Amino acid sequence: MAKLVLDLHPIYNKGKAIDDALNDIIQEALEKKIKTVEIIPGKGSGQLKKKVIRFLDQKHIKKKYHRLDKDSKNFGRLFVYFKF
């Protein structure tokens, strides 16, 4: 199963770059019909993870994917699932 991975560690403090990266990977998943995107905000203070979840909760983004899962074993990881 193909999956895309976005590691946000290199841009953790660049708000616009984070939004762009999230937009890009969602677009790529849609174009290539890839069902799973793994987003790695890392553990840290949890602020980046909250930002990612806020981004994904926006109405115009939310309608693009099927569901969002938090990794129960790894706090620093999220999965976005698409249905085609």
C-alpha atoms as a PDB file:
ATOM      1  CA  MET A   1       0.000   0.000   0.000  1.00  0.00           C
ATOM      2  CA  ALA A   2       1.433   3.316  -1.063  1.00  0.00           C
ATOM      3  CA  LYS A   3       1.589   6.040   1.512  1.00  0.00           C
ATOM      4  CA  LEU A   4       2.958   9.564   1.665  1.00  0.00           C
ATOM      5  CA  VAL A   5       4.954  10.806   4.647  1.00  0.00           C
ATOM      6  CA  LEU A   6       5.353  14.422   5.699  1.00  0.00           C
ATOM      7  CA  ASP A   7       7.942  15.102   8.404  1.00  0.00           C
ATOM      8  CA  LEU A   8       7.430  18.583   9.826  1.00  0.00           C
ATOM      9  CA  HIS A   9      10.599  18.625  11.975  1.00  0.00           C
ATOM     10  CA  PRO A  10      12.611  20.756   9.501  1.00  0.00           C
ATOM     11  CA  ILE A  11       9.922  23.477   9.336  1.00  0.00           C
ATOM     12  CA  TYR A  12       8.355  23.187  12.805  1.00  0.00           C
ATOM     13  CA  ASN A  13       8.535  26.956  13.422  1.00  0.00           C
ATOM     14  CA  LYS A  14       7.483  28.256   9.996  1.00  0.00           C
ATOM     15  CA  GLY A  15       3.701  28.627  10.002  1.00  0.00           C
ATOM     16  CA  LYS A  16       3.221  29.394   6.304  1.00  0.00           C
ATOM     17  CA  ALA A  17       5.620  26.636   5.214  1.00  0.00           C
ATOM     18  CA  ILE A  18       3.696  24.142   7.368  1.00  0.00           C
ATOM     19  CA  ASP A  19       0.362  25.111   5.782  1.00  0.00           C
ATOM     20  CA  ASP A  20       1.926  24.902   2.305  1.00  0.00           C
ATOM     21  CA  ALA A  21       3.455  21.485   3.017  1.00  0.00           C
ATOM     22  CA  LEU A  22       0.134  20.161   4.354  1.00  0.00           C
ATOM     23  CA  ASN A  23      -1.756  21.533   1.349  1.00  0.00           C
ATOM     24  CA  ASP A  24       0.797  20.043  -1.040  1.00  0.00           C
ATOM     25  CA  ILE A  25       0.741  16.565   0.464  1.00  0.00           C
ATOM     26  CA  ILE A  26      -3.076  16.436   0.551  1.00  0.00           C
ATOM     27  CA  GLN A  27      -3.159  17.550  -3.080  1.00  0.00           C
ATOM     28  CA  GLU A  28      -0.553  14.939  -4.017  1.00  0.00           C
ATOM     29  CA  ALA A  29      -2.507  12.183  -2.251  1.00  0.00           C
ATOM     30  CA  LEU A  30      -5.661  13.186  -4.134  1.00  0.00           C
ATOM     31  CA  GLU A  31      -3.912  13.368  -7.508  1.00  0.00           C
ATOM     32  CA  LYS A  32      -2.121  10.036  -7.083  1.00  0.00           C
ATOM     33  CA  LYS A  33      -5.056   8.385  -5.286  1.00  0.00           C
ATOM     34  CA  ILE A  34      -2.894   7.499  -2.309  1.00  0.00           C
ATOM     35  CA  LYS A  35      -5.062   6.374   0.574  1.00  0.00           C
ATOM     36  CA  THR A  36      -2.789   7.151   3.522  1.00  0.00           C
ATOM     37  CA  VAL A  37      -0.764  10.197   4.473  1.00  0.00           C
ATOM     38  CA  GLU A  38       1.408  10.016   7.578  1.00  0.00           C
ATOM     39  CA  ILE A  39       2.164  13.394   9.140  1.00  0.00           C
ATOM     40  CA  ILE A  40       4.958  13.629  11.693  1.00  0.00           C
ATOM     41  CA  PRO A  41       4.697  16.793  13.787  1.00  0.00           C
ATOM     42  CA  GLY A  42       6.944  15.172  16.394  1.00  0.00           C
ATOM     43  CA  LYS A  43       6.388  15.045  20.122  1.00  0.00           C
ATOM     44  CA  GLY A  44       7.695  18.366  21.467  1.00  0.00           C
ATOM     45  CA  SER A  45       5.211  20.568  23.317  1.00  0.00           C
ATOM     46  CA  GLY A  46       2.276  19.353  21.236  1.00  0.00           C
ATOM     47  CA  GLN A  47       1.741  22.797  19.703  1.00  0.00           C
ATOM     48  CA  LEU A  48       2.696  21.692  16.187  1.00  0.00           C
ATOM     49  CA  LYS A  49       0.392  18.684  16.385  1.00  0.00           C
ATOM     50  CA  LYS A  50      -2.444  20.987  17.491  1.00  0.00           C
ATOM     51  CA  LYS A  51      -1.704  23.294  14.563  1.00  0.00           C
ATOM     52  CA  VAL A  52      -1.800  20.355  12.126  1.00  0.00           C
ATOM     53  CA  ILE A  53      -5.125  19.147  13.551  1.00  0.00           C
ATOM     54  CA  ARG A  54      -6.559  22.687  13.349  1.00  0.00           C
ATOM     55  CA  PHE A  55      -5.433  22.866   9.726  1.00  0.00           C
ATOM     56  CA  LEU A  56      -7.019  19.491   8.922  1.00  0.00           C
ATOM     57  CA  ASP A  57     -10.249  20.488  10.702  1.00  0.00           C
ATOM     58  CA  GLN A  58     -10.905  23.401   8.366  1.00  0.00           C
ATOM     59  CA  LYS A  59     -14.116  22.723   6.442  1.00  0.00           C
ATOM     60  CA  HIS A  60     -12.582  23.026   2.953  1.00  0.00           C
ATOM     61  CA  ILE A  61      -9.744  20.635   3.902  1.00  0.00           C
ATOM     62  CA  LYS A  62     -11.874  18.201   5.915  1.00  0.00           C
ATOM     63  CA  LYS A  63     -14.092  17.405   2.936  1.00  0.00           C
ATOM     64  CA  LYS A  64     -11.042  16.184   0.983  1.00  0.00           C
ATOM     65  CA  TYR A  65     -10.207  13.281   3.286  1.00  0.00           C
ATOM     66  CA  HIS A  66     -12.105  10.414   4.869  1.00  0.00           C
ATOM     67  CA  ARG A  67     -10.735  10.307   8.420  1.00  0.00           C
ATOM     68  CA  LEU A  68      -7.936  11.385  10.729  1.00  0.00           C
ATOM     69  CA  ASP A  69      -6.259   9.051  13.230  1.00  0.00           C
ATOM     70  CA  LYS A  70      -3.784   9.760  15.977  1.00  0.00           C
ATOM     71  CA  ASP A  71      -1.196   7.018  16.371  1.00  0.00           C
ATOM     72  CA  SER A  72      -1.926   5.413  19.744  1.00  0.00           C
ATOM     73  CA  LYS A  73       1.657   4.143  20.120  1.00  0.00           C
ATOM     74  CA  ASN A  74       3.445   7.258  18.868  1.00  0.00           C
ATOM     75  CA  PHE A  75       2.155  10.618  20.091  1.00  0.00           C
ATOM     76  CA  GLY A  76       4.173  12.435  17.404  1.00  0.00           C
ATOM     77  CA  ARG A  77       2.365  10.922  14.438  1.00  0.00           C
ATOM     78  CA  LEU A  78      -0.972  11.414  12.651  1.00  0.00           C
ATOM     79  CA  PHE A  79      -2.557   9.493   9.802  1.00  0.00           C
ATOM     80  CA  VAL A  80      -4.933  11.003   7.255  1.00  0.00           C
ATOM     81  CA  TYR A  81      -6.980   8.499   5.279  1.00  0.00           C
ATOM     82  CA  PHE A  82      -8.557   9.090   1.889  1.00  0.00           C
ATOM     83  CA  LYS A  83     -11.354   7.139   0.213  1.00  0.00           C
ATOM     84  CA  PHE A  84     -11.502   6.906  -3.566  1.00  0.00           C
END
